[in-house]
Amino acid sequence: MLNVKKRIIFTSGKVSMPLKINRCAVIYHLNGGKTITPAVVSVKKVTNKLVVFETQEFMYYVVPQFVPATMIIDESVPVCA
């Protein structure tokens, strides 16, 4: 088994829930932008203070942030390749 170090990403925003294995995660940011991640391979922690999950190459640490519903235009989560 290879010991591969993953890059760590720290961000804030609203994570579209529930997180699903083999599906992209969507993180909505207060500035109106959004991040669509690669497919989730593991969910480590989900609390009201921190969401931690990993993809094949990254570990995401997301501090939940209130994002007004009017800023979330598209709730659909794309299918990852």
Protein backbone atom coordinates (compact mmCIF):
# COMPACT_ATOMS: atom_id res chain seq x y z
CA MET A 1 0.00 0.00 0.00
CA LEU A 2 1.37 3.38 -0.97
CA ASN A 3 1.64 6.14 1.59
CA VAL A 4 0.33 9.04 -0.48
CA LYS A 5 0.19 12.44 1.17
CA LYS A 6 -2.90 14.39 0.23
CA ARG A 7 -3.03 18.12 -0.20
CA ILE A 8 -5.09 19.85 2.47
CA ILE A 9 -7.66 22.51 1.64
CA PHE A 10 -9.02 24.80 4.36
CA THR A 11 -12.07 26.86 3.41
CA SER A 12 -15.39 28.16 4.71
CA GLY A 13 -18.87 27.95 3.27
CA LYS A 14 -21.99 25.83 3.15
CA VAL A 15 -21.45 22.20 2.16
CA SER A 16 -24.36 20.71 0.25
CA MET A 17 -25.57 17.79 2.37
CA PRO A 18 -25.61 14.92 2.58
CA LEU A 19 -22.11 14.13 1.40
CA LYS A 20 -22.18 10.95 -0.66
CA ILE A 21 -19.34 8.60 -1.47
CA ASN A 22 -18.43 8.59 -5.20
CA ARG A 23 -20.27 11.91 -5.74
CA CYS A 24 -18.89 15.40 -6.00
CA ALA A 25 -19.32 17.72 -3.05
CA VAL A 26 -20.44 21.31 -3.56
CA ILE A 27 -19.26 24.09 -1.25
CA TYR A 28 -21.14 27.40 -1.57
CA HIS A 29 -19.16 30.47 -0.52
CA LEU A 30 -20.38 33.76 0.94
CA ASN A 31 -18.97 35.70 -2.03
CA GLY A 32 -21.42 33.88 -4.34
CA GLY A 33 -18.90 31.41 -5.70
CA LYS A 34 -18.95 27.67 -5.35
CA THR A 35 -16.42 24.89 -5.31
CA ILE A 36 -17.24 21.54 -6.91
CA THR A 37 -14.86 18.90 -5.60
CA PRO A 38 -13.78 15.63 -7.14
CA ALA A 39 -15.67 12.53 -5.98
CA VAL A 40 -15.78 12.05 -2.20
CA VAL A 41 -14.04 8.88 -1.02
CA SER A 42 -14.51 9.31 2.73
CA VAL A 43 -16.41 11.52 5.18
CA LYS A 44 -14.39 12.05 8.36
CA LYS A 45 -16.40 14.54 10.43
CA VAL A 46 -19.63 16.52 10.17
CA THR A 47 -20.48 18.93 12.98
CA ASN A 48 -21.86 22.45 13.19
CA LYS A 49 -18.26 23.71 13.57
CA LEU A 50 -16.34 21.63 11.02
CA VAL A 51 -16.89 19.37 8.01
CA VAL A 52 -13.99 17.12 7.01
CA PHE A 53 -14.00 14.86 3.98
CA GLU A 54 -11.54 13.50 1.48
CA THR A 55 -11.31 12.94 -2.23
CA GLN A 56 -8.68 10.90 -4.06
CA GLU A 57 -6.12 13.74 -3.89
CA PHE A 58 -7.36 16.22 -1.26
CA MET A 59 -8.49 16.51 2.36
CA TYR A 60 -11.11 19.26 2.78
CA TYR A 61 -11.61 21.08 6.08
CA VAL A 62 -14.67 23.32 5.77
CA VAL A 63 -15.79 25.72 8.48
CA PRO A 64 -19.56 26.04 8.01
CA GLN A 65 -20.67 29.54 7.15
CA PHE A 66 -24.20 30.85 6.70
CA VAL A 67 -24.84 31.41 3.00
CA PRO A 68 -28.21 32.98 2.13
CA ALA A 69 -30.48 30.67 0.14
CA THR A 70 -30.77 33.35 -2.56
CA MET A 71 -27.08 32.84 -3.30
CA ILE A 72 -27.55 29.11 -3.87
CA ILE A 73 -29.00 29.05 -7.35
CA ASP A 74 -28.45 25.42 -8.35
CA GLU A 75 -28.78 22.71 -5.70
CA SER A 76 -28.05 19.87 -8.14
CA VAL A 77 -24.81 18.00 -7.55
CA PRO A 78 -22.98 17.00 -10.71
CA VAL A 79 -21.94 13.43 -11.32
CA CYS A 80 -18.19 13.03 -11.08
CA ALA A 81 -16.19 11.24 -13.74
